[in-house]
PDB file of N, CA and C in Angstrom:
ATOM      1  N   MET A   1      91.427  92.332 108.279  1.00  0.00           N
ATOM      2  CA  MET A   1      91.976  93.417 107.452  1.00  0.00           C
ATOM      3  C   MET A   1      91.341  94.746 107.857  1.00  0.00           C
ATOM      4  N   LEU A   2      90.004  94.774 107.885  1.00  0.00           N
ATOM      5  CA  LEU A   2      89.316  96.007 108.267  1.00  0.00           C
ATOM      6  C   LEU A   2      89.594  96.356 109.717  1.00  0.00           C
ATOM      7  N   LEU A   3      89.702  95.342 110.579  1.00  0.00           N
ATOM      8  CA  LEU A   3      89.990  95.600 111.995  1.00  0.00           C
ATOM      9  C   LEU A   3      91.382  96.206 112.153  1.00  0.00           C
ATOM     10  N   LEU A   4      92.334  95.716 111.362  1.00  0.00           N
ATOM     11  CA  LEU A   4      93.682  96.264 111.431  1.00  0.00           C
ATOM     12  C   LEU A   4      93.693  97.722 110.991  1.00  0.00           C
ATOM     13  N   VAL A   5      92.904  98.020 109.966  1.00  0.00           N
ATOM     14  CA  VAL A   5      92.832  99.397 109.481  1.00  0.00           C
ATOM     15  C   VAL A   5      92.204 100.291 110.545  1.00  0.00           C
ATOM     16  N   GLU A   6      91.156  99.791 111.209  1.00  0.00           N
ATOM     17  CA  GLU A   6      90.498 100.585 112.250  1.00  0.00           C
ATOM     18  C   GLU A   6      91.428 100.806 113.433  1.00  0.00           C
ATOM     19  N   ASN A   7      92.176  99.778 113.815  1.00  0.00           N
ATOM     20  CA  ASN A   7      93.077  99.905 114.954  1.00  0.00           C
ATOM     21  C   ASN A   7      94.235 100.849 114.665  1.00  0.00           C
ATOM     22  N   ASN A   8      94.655 100.897 113.413  1.00  0.00           N
ATOM     23  CA  ASN A   8      95.789 101.740 113.033  1.00  0.00           C
ATOM     24  C   ASN A   8      95.313 102.908 112.178  1.00  0.00           C
ATOM     25  N   LYS A   9      94.220 103.539 112.599  1.00  0.00           N
ATOM     26  CA  LYS A   9      93.597 104.567 111.759  1.00  0.00           C
ATOM     27  C   LYS A   9      94.525 105.749 111.543  1.00  0.00           C
ATOM     28  N   ASN A  10      95.218 106.181 112.599  1.00  0.00           N
ATOM     29  CA  ASN A  10      96.135 107.320 112.455  1.00  0.00           C
ATOM     30  C   ASN A  10      97.238 106.998 111.453  1.00  0.00           C
ATOM     31  N   TYR A  11      97.825 105.809 111.581  1.00  0.00           N
ATOM     32  CA  TYR A  11      98.865 105.390 110.650  1.00  0.00           C
ATOM     33  C   TYR A  11      98.295 105.269 109.243  1.00  0.00           C
ATOM     34  N   HIS A  12      97.063 104.777 109.169  1.00  0.00           N
ATOM     35  CA  HIS A  12      96.415 104.620 107.863  1.00  0.00           C
ATOM     36  C   HIS A  12      96.188 105.981 107.213  1.00  0.00           C
ATOM     37  N   ILE A  13      95.826 106.973 107.996  1.00  0.00           N
ATOM     38  CA  ILE A  13      95.616 108.317 107.447  1.00  0.00           C
ATOM     39  C   ILE A  13      96.940 108.896 106.944  1.00  0.00           C
ATOM     40  N   GLN A  14      98.018 108.648 107.695  1.00  0.00           N
ATOM     41  CA  GLN A  14      99.321 109.173 107.270  1.00  0.00           C
ATOM     42  C   GLN A  14      99.786 108.529 105.974  1.00  0.00           C
ATOM     43  N   MET A  15      99.521 107.234 105.827  1.00  0.00           N
ATOM     44  CA  MET A  15      99.983 106.509 104.645  1.00  0.00           C
ATOM     45  C   MET A  15      98.863 106.333 103.626  1.00  0.00           C
ATOM     46  N   LYS A  16      97.881 107.227 103.665  1.00  0.00           N
ATOM     47  CA  LYS A  16      96.646 107.023 102.913  1.00  0.00           C
ATOM     48  C   LYS A  16      96.901 106.904 101.407  1.00  0.00           C
ATOM     49  N   SER A  17      97.653 107.836 100.850  1.00  0.00           N
ATOM     50  CA  SER A  17      97.861 107.837  99.408  1.00  0.00           C
ATOM     51  C   SER A  17      98.616 106.587  98.957  1.00  0.00           C
ATOM     52  N   ILE A  18      99.631 106.193  99.723  1.00  0.00           N
ATOM     53  CA  ILE A  18     100.419 105.019  99.348  1.00  0.00           C
ATOM     54  C   ILE A  18      99.568 103.760  99.459  1.00  0.00           C
ATOM     55  N   ARG A  19      98.772 103.656 100.525  1.00  0.00           N
ATOM     56  CA  ARG A  19      97.937 102.476 100.707  1.00  0.00           C
ATOM     57  C   ARG A  19      96.890 102.360  99.606  1.00  0.00           C
ATOM     58  N   TRP A  20      96.277 103.479  99.236  1.00  0.00           N
ATOM     59  CA  TRP A  20      95.277 103.434  98.163  1.00  0.00           C
ATOM     60  C   TRP A  20      95.934 103.037  96.851  1.00  0.00           C
ATOM     61  N   ASN A  21      97.191 103.457  96.652  1.00  0.00           N
ATOM     62  CA  ASN A  21      97.917 103.033  95.463  1.00  0.00           C
ATOM     63  C   ASN A  21      98.074 101.516  95.441  1.00  0.00           C
ATOM     64  N   GLU A  22      98.467 100.946  96.578  1.00  0.00           N
ATOM     65  CA  GLU A  22      98.649  99.499  96.655  1.00  0.00           C
ATOM     66  C   GLU A  22      97.326  98.773  96.461  1.00  0.00           C
ATOM     67  N   TYR A  23      96.253  99.305  97.039  1.00  0.00           N
ATOM     68  CA  TYR A  23      94.935  98.683  96.876  1.00  0.00           C
ATOM     69  C   TYR A  23      94.507  98.715  95.415  1.00  0.00           C
ATOM     70  N   ALA A  24      94.791  99.811  94.731  1.00  0.00           N
ATOM     71  CA  ALA A  24      94.401  99.932  93.329  1.00  0.00           C
ATOM     72  C   ALA A  24      95.147  98.906  92.477  1.00  0.00           C
ATOM     73  N   VAL A  25      96.441  98.748  92.700  1.00  0.00           N
ATOM     74  CA  VAL A  25      97.224  97.767  91.940  1.00  0.00           C
ATOM     75  C   VAL A  25      96.741  96.352  92.236  1.00  0.00           C
ATOM     76  N   PHE A  26      96.457  96.069  93.516  1.00  0.00           N
ATOM     77  CA  PHE A  26      95.986  94.742  93.911  1.00  0.00           C
ATOM     78  C   PHE A  26      94.644  94.424  93.255  1.00  0.00           C
ATOM     79  N   ALA A  27      93.719  95.390  93.271  1.00  0.00           N
ATOM     80  CA  ALA A  27      92.407  95.183  92.659  1.00  0.00           C
ATOM     81  C   ALA A  27      92.546  95.012  91.149  1.00  0.00           C
ATOM     82  N   TYR A  28      93.464  95.764  90.531  1.00  0.00           N
ATOM     83  CA  TYR A  28      93.667  95.652  89.086  1.00  0.00           C
ATOM     84  C   TYR A  28      94.196  94.269  88.714  1.00  0.00           C
ATOM     85  N   ARG A  29      95.108  93.723  89.537  1.00  0.00           N
ATOM     86  CA  ARG A  29      95.619  92.378  89.261  1.00  0.00           C
ATOM     87  C   ARG A  29      94.521  91.336  89.386  1.00  0.00           C
ATOM     88  N   ILE A  30      93.669  91.473  90.421  1.00  0.00           N
ATOM     89  CA  ILE A  30      92.555  90.538  90.584  1.00  0.00           C
ATOM     90  C   ILE A  30      91.607  90.627  89.389  1.00  0.00           C
ATOM     91  N   PHE A  31      91.388  91.862  88.902  1.00  0.00           N
ATOM     92  CA  PHE A  31      90.517  92.050  87.740  1.00  0.00           C
ATOM     93  C   PHE A  31      91.090  91.362  86.500  1.00  0.00           C
ATOM     94  N   LEU A  32      92.401  91.470  86.302  1.00  0.00           N
ATOM     95  CA  LEU A  32      93.023  90.810  85.161  1.00  0.00           C
ATOM     96  C   LEU A  32      92.913  89.298  85.283  1.00  0.00           C
ATOM     97  N   VAL A  33      93.143  88.768  86.483  1.00  0.00           N
ATOM     98  CA  VAL A  33      93.015  87.326  86.700  1.00  0.00           C
ATOM     99  C   VAL A  33      91.586  86.887  86.422  1.00  0.00           C
ATOM    100  N   TYR A  34      90.614  87.687  86.859  1.00  0.00           N
ATOM    101  CA  TYR A  34      89.204  87.373  86.604  1.00  0.00           C
ATOM    102  C   TYR A  34      88.926  87.330  85.098  1.00  0.00           C
ATOM    103  N   LEU A  35      89.459  88.318  84.374  1.00  0.00           N
ATOM    104  CA  LEU A  35      89.225  88.359  82.926  1.00  0.00           C
ATOM    105  C   LEU A  35      89.804  87.134  82.234  1.00  0.00           C
ATOM    106  N   PHE A  36      91.059  86.790  82.552  1.00  0.00           N
ATOM    107  CA  PHE A  36      91.736  85.741  81.797  1.00  0.00           C
ATOM    108  C   PHE A  36      91.306  84.335  82.203  1.00  0.00           C
ATOM    109  N   TYR A  37      90.821  84.156  83.442  1.00  0.00           N
ATOM    110  CA  TYR A  37      90.502  82.808  83.901  1.00  0.00           C
ATOM    111  C   TYR A  37      89.011  82.488  83.892  1.00  0.00           C
ATOM    112  N   PHE A  38      88.157  83.498  84.108  1.00  0.00           N
ATOM    113  CA  PHE A  38      86.728  83.210  84.231  1.00  0.00           C
ATOM    114  C   PHE A  38      85.950  83.519  82.956  1.00  0.00           C
ATOM    115  N   LEU A  39      86.341  84.580  82.248  1.00  0.00           N
ATOM    116  CA  LEU A  39      85.588  84.934  81.040  1.00  0.00           C
ATOM    117  C   LEU A  39      85.712  83.904  79.919  1.00  0.00           C
ATOM    118  N   PRO A  40      86.868  83.286  79.677  1.00  0.00           N
ATOM    119  CA  PRO A  40      86.945  82.283  78.600  1.00  0.00           C
ATOM    120  C   PRO A  40      85.973  81.131  78.796  1.00  0.00           C
ATOM    121  N   GLU A  41      85.623  80.807  80.048  1.00  0.00           N
ATOM    122  CA  GLU A  41      84.674  79.713  80.275  1.00  0.00           C
ATOM    123  C   GLU A  41      83.304  80.067  79.727  1.00  0.00           C
ATOM    124  N   TYR A  42      82.951  81.351  79.750  1.00  0.00           N
ATOM    125  CA  TYR A  42      81.644  81.767  79.245  1.00  0.00           C
ATOM    126  C   TYR A  42      81.703  82.081  77.752  1.00  0.00           C
ATOM    127  N   CYS A  43      82.843  82.545  77.273  1.00  0.00           N
ATOM    128  CA  CYS A  43      82.936  82.956  75.874  1.00  0.00           C
ATOM    129  C   CYS A  43      83.073  81.746  74.947  1.00  0.00           C
ATOM    130  N   PHE A  44      83.789  80.720  75.404  1.00  0.00           N
ATOM    131  CA  PHE A  44      84.056  79.584  74.525  1.00  0.00           C
ATOM    132  C   PHE A  44      83.324  78.340  75.030  1.00  0.00           C
TER     133      PHE A  44
END
């Protein structure tokens, strides 16, 4: 993943705002999955 970003740095800079948007949504979904699947094991 990081290698692809490094190889396509110019393209990554051009699409920077859109890519960061996608990364933010992806991280938010992972965070929600973490909350709903891992926290109940510790809370209950």
